[in-house]
């Protein structure tokens, strides 16, 4: 990346961009001043944080509003899904820009203070502004006092999402055009090189277990419906947690390719699990998550009780756990 980008990132303009973009969440877009950029470097910096920042705020607002009624929760989840669909290519390309920005941290020619500025932007400034914007909206919703009025404010916010008032194309035409140019230049490459970047954002959050599908030596048995008490969470710092009715476990994960992660167990109520490393296949979108694990006979012999006389253990078991995103979590 041109060194000019680091000069732009060392200034406050990008932070100001962040505030201006998220301010559309609290003020009607008709009254918002459209952003102007002085260079492609500034556009690149903006692309690294938007529209993912807006998605994070909208997601938290809908989680907050979901507590008022089931219809309101369904309305919010439906419109957030539609918003993600409208912005899918931009979200993916934004993730690519963010990865390019992070890659600059490994450049030997980049000054230490410039690297610190980039880290501060991604790890401190951006999260703080997202938190601040959500808090502004939360206070605005809750300060009306009466529950029915709070639900009405939430409904208005969600209707604004449905009407496209939070769409990037309406609030930042210049950045939209920049994304379109990047996507056009990349052509079909966006569907492959950005797929990990897209998945590593989509997987973040808490997921409730819905069902389990098992295949023994290529023979699939009937799906097993879950009691819904198991929750798995994936977090931006590369950690995960799993809470079941009988155990709590946690650890780290990292992406290996477009649809596989390496998962390590660091803590568990089952001592034999601690230190285990496994490969999981991941399929994820805005609402659903599937985690597939392949267990060999050798692995099962180590982990499971010995088979009874006359019984035979399968040579391979494929286990697919199906989860649904938890929208109404803090």
Protein backbone atom coordinates (compact mmCIF):
# COMPACT_ATOMS: atom_id res chain seq x y z
CA UNK A 1 0.00 0.00 0.00
CA UNK A 2 1.23 3.54 -0.73
CA UNK A 3 2.87 5.17 2.27
CA UNK A 4 0.44 8.10 1.87
CA UNK A 5 -2.24 5.88 3.36
CA UNK A 6 -0.37 5.68 6.63
CA UNK A 7 -0.14 9.46 6.71
CA UNK A 8 -3.88 9.73 6.29
CA UNK A 9 -4.48 7.14 8.98
CA UNK A 10 -2.24 9.03 11.38
CA UNK A 11 -4.69 11.93 11.38
CA UNK A 12 -8.11 12.27 12.94
CA UNK A 13 -10.05 12.45 9.67
CA UNK A 14 -10.78 8.74 9.62
CA UNK A 15 -12.11 8.87 13.16
CA UNK A 16 -14.22 11.83 12.10
CA UNK A 17 -15.47 9.76 9.18
CA UNK A 18 -16.51 7.07 11.63
CA UNK A 19 -18.56 9.54 13.65
CA UNK A 20 -20.20 11.01 10.55
CA UNK A 21 -21.16 7.60 9.19
CA UNK A 22 -22.64 6.36 12.44
CA UNK A 23 -24.37 9.66 13.09
CA UNK A 24 -26.93 8.62 10.50
CA UNK A 25 -28.14 6.14 13.09
CA UNK A 26 -29.29 8.96 15.33
CA UNK A 27 -30.22 11.69 12.85
CA UNK A 28 -32.32 11.54 9.68
CA UNK A 29 -30.11 11.01 6.61
CA UNK A 30 -31.94 13.86 4.89
CA UNK A 31 -30.22 16.23 7.31
CA UNK A 32 -26.82 14.52 7.23
CA UNK A 33 -24.02 16.14 5.25
CA UNK A 34 -22.57 13.78 2.66
CA UNK A 35 -18.92 12.98 3.24
CA UNK A 36 -16.21 14.25 0.93
CA UNK A 37 -12.83 12.65 0.37
CA UNK A 38 -9.62 14.29 -0.75
CA UNK A 39 -7.83 11.18 -2.01
CA UNK A 40 -8.13 7.49 -2.72
CA UNK A 41 -6.12 6.90 0.44
CA UNK A 42 -8.91 8.42 2.50
CA UNK A 43 -11.45 6.26 0.69
CA UNK A 44 -9.35 3.19 1.46
CA UNK A 45 -9.29 4.08 5.14
CA UNK A 46 -13.05 4.55 5.17
CA UNK A 47 -13.58 1.26 3.34
CA UNK A 48 -11.73 -0.61 6.09
CA UNK A 49 -14.33 0.35 8.71
CA UNK A 50 -17.61 0.73 6.84
CA UNK A 51 -20.25 -0.61 6.43
CA UNK A 52 -19.28 -3.24 9.01
CA UNK A 53 -19.35 -0.62 11.78
CA UNK A 54 -22.95 0.26 10.95
CA UNK A 55 -23.87 -3.43 10.93
CA UNK A 56 -22.47 -3.88 14.44
CA UNK A 57 -24.52 -0.99 15.80
CA UNK A 58 -27.72 -2.10 14.04
CA UNK A 59 -27.23 -5.63 15.33
CA UNK A 60 -26.92 -4.42 18.92
CA UNK A 61 -29.93 -2.13 18.61
CA UNK A 62 -32.10 -4.94 17.28
CA UNK A 63 -30.89 -7.17 20.11
CA UNK A 64 -32.00 -4.48 22.55
CA UNK A 65 -35.37 -4.03 20.84
CA UNK A 66 -36.04 -7.76 20.71
CA UNK A 67 -36.94 -7.83 24.42
CA UNK A 68 -40.15 -5.85 23.88
CA UNK A 69 -42.10 -8.42 21.87
CA UNK A 70 -41.69 -11.45 19.63
CA UNK A 71 -43.19 -9.65 16.58
CA UNK A 72 -40.72 -6.79 17.06
CA UNK A 73 -37.85 -9.26 17.34
CA UNK A 74 -38.94 -11.02 14.14
CA UNK A 75 -39.34 -7.69 12.36
CA UNK A 76 -35.86 -6.57 13.42
CA UNK A 77 -34.12 -9.82 12.54
CA UNK A 78 -35.84 -9.90 9.14
CA UNK A 79 -34.84 -6.36 8.24
CA UNK A 80 -31.27 -6.82 9.47
CA UNK A 81 -31.00 -9.89 7.27
CA UNK A 82 -32.27 -7.84 4.32
CA UNK A 83 -29.76 -5.08 5.11
CA UNK A 84 -26.93 -7.63 5.13
CA UNK A 85 -28.14 -9.03 1.80
CA UNK A 86 -28.14 -5.56 0.24
CA UNK A 87 -24.63 -4.89 1.54
CA UNK A 88 -23.09 -8.35 1.23
CA UNK A 89 -20.55 -7.45 -1.47
CA UNK A 90 -19.63 -4.23 0.33
CA UNK A 91 -19.23 -6.07 3.66
CA UNK A 92 -16.97 -8.60 1.99
CA UNK A 93 -14.91 -5.95 0.20
CA UNK A 94 -14.66 -3.94 3.42
CA UNK A 95 -13.25 -7.01 5.13
CA UNK A 96 -10.68 -7.32 2.34
CA UNK A 97 -9.68 -3.66 2.80
CA UNK A 98 -9.38 -4.23 6.53
CA UNK A 99 -7.10 -7.22 5.96
CA UNK A 100 -4.96 -5.11 3.62
CA UNK A 101 -4.73 -2.47 6.34
CA UNK A 102 -3.73 -5.06 8.94
CA UNK A 103 -1.15 -6.48 6.54
CA UNK A 104 0.54 -3.08 6.54
CA UNK A 105 1.49 -3.75 10.15
CA UNK A 106 3.94 -6.38 8.90
CA UNK A 107 5.68 -4.00 6.52
CA UNK A 108 9.33 -3.51 7.58
CA UNK A 109 9.35 -0.06 5.96
CA UNK A 110 6.43 1.23 8.03
CA UNK A 111 7.42 3.42 10.97
CA UNK A 112 6.55 2.19 14.46
CA UNK A 113 4.36 5.20 15.22
CA UNK A 114 2.37 4.62 12.03
CA UNK A 115 1.82 0.98 12.99
CA UNK A 116 0.64 2.08 16.41
CA UNK A 117 -1.80 4.54 14.82
CA UNK A 118 -3.33 1.76 12.71
CA UNK A 119 -3.62 -0.57 15.70
CA UNK A 120 -5.15 2.19 17.77
CA UNK A 121 -7.71 2.92 15.05
CA UNK A 122 -8.77 -0.72 14.67
CA UNK A 123 -8.54 -1.84 18.30
CA UNK A 124 -9.42 1.27 20.31
CA UNK A 125 -10.99 4.12 18.34
CA UNK A 126 -13.41 2.10 16.20
CA UNK A 127 -14.81 -0.08 19.03
CA UNK A 128 -15.20 2.94 21.30
CA UNK A 129 -17.17 4.89 18.69
CA UNK A 130 -19.40 1.90 17.98
CA UNK A 131 -20.06 1.54 21.71
CA UNK A 132 -20.77 5.27 21.99
CA UNK A 133 -23.23 5.29 19.11
CA UNK A 134 -25.08 2.28 20.48
CA UNK A 135 -25.27 3.89 23.92
CA UNK A 136 -26.72 7.05 22.37
CA UNK A 137 -29.46 5.01 20.70
CA UNK A 138 -30.08 2.92 23.81
CA UNK A 139 -30.54 6.00 25.96
CA UNK A 140 -32.84 7.55 23.36
CA UNK A 141 -35.00 4.40 23.39
CA UNK A 142 -35.09 3.91 27.15
CA UNK A 143 -35.46 7.51 28.28
CA UNK A 144 -39.08 7.68 27.04
CA UNK A 145 -39.84 5.56 30.10
CA UNK A 146 -43.05 3.79 29.11
CA UNK A 147 -42.48 0.33 27.65
CA UNK A 148 -45.05 0.82 24.89
CA UNK A 149 -43.31 4.02 23.76
CA UNK A 150 -39.92 2.34 23.88
CA UNK A 151 -41.24 -0.38 21.60
CA UNK A 152 -42.61 2.31 19.28
CA UNK A 153 -39.18 3.99 19.04
CA UNK A 154 -37.64 0.60 18.27
CA UNK A 155 -40.24 -0.01 15.57
CA UNK A 156 -39.38 3.34 13.99
CA UNK A 157 -35.68 2.44 13.93
CA UNK A 158 -36.37 -0.92 12.32
CA UNK A 159 -38.73 0.65 9.78
CA UNK A 160 -35.93 3.05 8.87
CA UNK A 161 -33.71 0.04 8.13
CA UNK A 162 -36.49 -1.41 5.98
CA UNK A 163 -36.84 1.90 4.12
CA UNK A 164 -33.13 1.88 3.28
CA UNK A 165 -32.28 4.96 5.34
CA UNK A 166 -29.17 3.27 6.72
CA UNK A 167 -27.97 2.00 3.34
CA UNK A 168 -24.44 2.94 2.33
CA UNK A 169 -25.54 4.10 -1.11
CA UNK A 170 -27.79 6.76 0.41
CA UNK A 171 -25.43 7.99 3.11
CA UNK A 172 -22.07 7.78 1.34
CA UNK A 173 -22.28 7.72 -2.49
CA UNK A 174 -18.55 8.38 -2.83
CA UNK A 175 -17.57 5.35 -0.76
CA UNK A 176 -20.19 3.26 -2.55
CA UNK A 177 -18.63 4.17 -5.89
CA UNK A 178 -15.17 3.34 -4.53
CA UNK A 179 -16.39 -0.10 -3.42
CA UNK A 180 -17.95 -0.67 -6.84
CA UNK A 181 -14.64 0.17 -8.52
CA UNK A 182 -12.69 -2.18 -6.25
CA UNK A 183 -15.14 -5.00 -6.80
CA UNK A 184 -15.11 -4.41 -10.55
CA UNK A 185 -11.31 -4.48 -10.66
CA UNK A 186 -11.19 -7.67 -8.62
CA UNK A 187 -13.81 -9.35 -10.76
CA UNK A 188 -14.48 -12.93 -9.71
CA UNK A 189 -11.64 -12.77 -7.17
CA UNK A 190 -13.94 -11.30 -4.54
CA UNK A 191 -15.88 -14.53 -4.18
CA UNK A 192 -12.75 -16.44 -3.20
CA UNK A 193 -10.15 -14.27 -1.53
CA UNK A 194 -12.72 -12.42 0.54
CA UNK A 195 -14.67 -15.46 1.65
CA UNK A 196 -12.55 -16.01 4.75
CA UNK A 197 -12.80 -12.31 5.58
CA UNK A 198 -16.57 -12.50 5.24
CA UNK A 199 -16.88 -15.66 7.33
CA UNK A 200 -14.62 -14.38 10.09
CA UNK A 201 -17.07 -11.52 10.63
CA UNK A 202 -20.27 -13.52 10.24
CA UNK A 203 -19.24 -16.16 12.76
CA UNK A 204 -18.82 -13.60 15.56
CA UNK A 205 -21.51 -13.64 18.23
CA UNK A 206 -23.53 -16.17 20.21
CA UNK A 207 -25.29 -19.14 18.62
CA UNK A 208 -27.96 -21.46 20.05
CA UNK A 209 -27.77 -25.18 19.22
CA UNK A 210 -30.77 -26.36 17.20
CA UNK A 211 -30.04 -29.87 15.97
CA UNK A 212 -27.41 -32.54 15.41
CA UNK A 213 -26.90 -34.67 12.30
CA UNK A 214 -24.65 -37.73 12.44
CA UNK A 215 -23.33 -39.92 9.64
CA UNK A 216 -21.78 -43.32 10.50
CA UNK A 217 -19.62 -44.72 7.72
CA UNK A 218 -21.58 -42.69 5.13
CA UNK A 219 -24.98 -43.69 6.56
CA UNK A 220 -26.89 -40.70 7.93
CA UNK A 221 -29.28 -41.21 10.83
CA UNK A 222 -32.31 -39.07 11.63
CA UNK A 223 -31.45 -35.57 12.90
CA UNK A 224 -31.50 -35.13 16.67
CA UNK A 225 -33.34 -32.02 17.86
CA UNK A 226 -31.54 -30.08 20.59
CA UNK A 227 -33.12 -28.80 23.79
CA UNK A 228 -31.80 -25.35 22.90
CA UNK A 229 -29.75 -24.99 26.08
CA UNK A 230 -26.32 -25.19 24.43
CA UNK A 231 -24.75 -21.87 23.44
CA UNK A 232 -21.50 -21.38 21.52
CA UNK A 233 -19.81 -18.02 21.11
CA UNK A 234 -17.06 -16.81 18.78
CA UNK A 235 -15.24 -13.58 19.58
CA UNK A 236 -13.09 -11.05 17.66
CA UNK A 237 -9.94 -11.87 19.65
CA UNK A 238 -9.87 -15.43 18.27
CA UNK A 239 -11.44 -17.14 21.29
CA UNK A 240 -14.59 -19.22 21.67
CA UNK A 241 -16.74 -20.55 24.49
CA UNK A 242 -19.28 -23.37 24.75
CA UNK A 243 -21.88 -23.71 27.49
CA UNK A 244 -23.92 -26.91 27.77
CA UNK A 245 -26.18 -28.17 30.52
CA UNK A 246 -23.29 -30.16 32.01
CA UNK A 247 -20.05 -28.47 30.96
CA UNK A 248 -18.33 -25.17 30.22
CA UNK A 249 -15.40 -25.08 27.82
CA UNK A 250 -13.41 -22.45 25.97
CA UNK A 251 -10.30 -21.95 23.89
CA UNK A 252 -8.93 -20.43 20.72
CA UNK A 253 -9.61 -20.78 17.01
CA UNK A 254 -7.98 -19.69 13.77
CA UNK A 255 -9.02 -19.85 10.12
CA UNK A 256 -7.14 -22.33 7.94
CA UNK A 257 -8.90 -21.59 4.65
CA UNK A 258 -12.24 -20.37 3.33
CA UNK A 259 -14.37 -22.78 5.36
CA UNK A 260 -12.22 -24.53 7.98
CA UNK A 261 -11.02 -23.49 11.42
CA UNK A 262 -8.54 -25.06 13.80
CA UNK A 263 -10.06 -25.16 17.28
CA UNK A 264 -8.08 -25.64 20.49
CA UNK A 265 -9.63 -26.43 23.88
CA UNK A 266 -7.87 -24.60 26.72
CA UNK A 267 -10.45 -25.00 29.49
CA UNK A 268 -13.08 -27.68 30.08
CA UNK A 269 -14.87 -29.45 32.90
CA UNK A 270 -13.85 -32.68 31.15
CA UNK A 271 -10.14 -32.97 31.83
CA UNK A 272 -9.35 -35.22 28.86
CA UNK A 273 -10.55 -32.50 26.47
CA UNK A 274 -8.04 -29.87 27.61
CA UNK A 275 -5.34 -29.40 24.97
CA UNK A 276 -7.28 -31.10 22.21
CA UNK A 277 -6.95 -29.58 18.71
CA UNK A 278 -9.49 -30.32 15.98
CA UNK A 279 -10.43 -29.14 12.50
CA UNK A 280 -13.99 -27.92 11.94
CA UNK A 281 -15.77 -27.20 8.68
CA UNK A 282 -17.75 -23.96 8.91
CA UNK A 283 -20.82 -22.86 6.96
CA UNK A 284 -22.18 -19.54 8.16
CA UNK A 285 -24.48 -16.73 7.09
CA UNK A 286 -26.27 -13.92 8.89
CA UNK A 287 -28.69 -16.28 10.68
CA UNK A 288 -27.37 -19.85 10.60
CA UNK A 289 -24.17 -21.67 11.52
CA UNK A 290 -23.17 -25.27 10.78
CA UNK A 291 -20.09 -26.80 12.40
CA UNK A 292 -19.00 -30.15 11.02
CA UNK A 293 -16.44 -32.43 12.64
CA UNK A 294 -15.04 -35.70 11.29
CA UNK A 295 -14.01 -38.26 13.92
CA UNK A 296 -11.93 -41.29 12.99
CA UNK A 297 -12.09 -44.63 14.77
CA UNK A 298 -8.67 -44.02 16.30
CA UNK A 299 -9.81 -40.70 17.76
CA UNK A 300 -13.02 -42.21 19.12
CA UNK A 301 -11.12 -45.07 20.73
CA UNK A 302 -9.14 -42.49 22.71
CA UNK A 303 -12.11 -40.41 23.82
CA UNK A 304 -15.02 -42.81 24.20
CA UNK A 305 -15.60 -45.78 26.50
CA UNK A 306 -14.64 -49.18 25.14
CA UNK A 307 -17.30 -50.81 22.98
CA UNK A 308 -19.25 -53.68 24.42
CA UNK A 309 -18.44 -57.26 23.34
CA UNK A 310 -20.00 -58.06 19.96
CA UNK A 311 -20.41 -54.40 19.01
CA UNK A 312 -18.40 -52.54 16.37
CA UNK A 313 -17.40 -48.90 16.32
CA UNK A 314 -17.74 -47.00 13.04
CA UNK A 315 -14.55 -46.21 11.14
CA UNK A 316 -15.67 -42.63 10.60
CA UNK A 317 -18.36 -40.43 12.10
CA UNK A 318 -19.33 -37.05 10.60
CA UNK A 319 -21.10 -34.80 13.10
CA UNK A 320 -22.83 -31.60 11.96
CA UNK A 321 -24.10 -29.27 14.65
CA UNK A 322 -26.66 -26.70 13.50
CA UNK A 323 -26.98 -23.37 15.32
CA UNK A 324 -29.19 -20.29 15.05
CA UNK A 325 -27.86 -16.81 15.81
CA UNK A 326 -28.82 -15.35 19.16
CA UNK A 327 -30.02 -11.83 18.35
CA UNK A 328 -31.24 -10.84 21.81
CA UNK A 329 -27.98 -11.06 23.73
CA UNK A 330 -26.22 -8.20 25.48
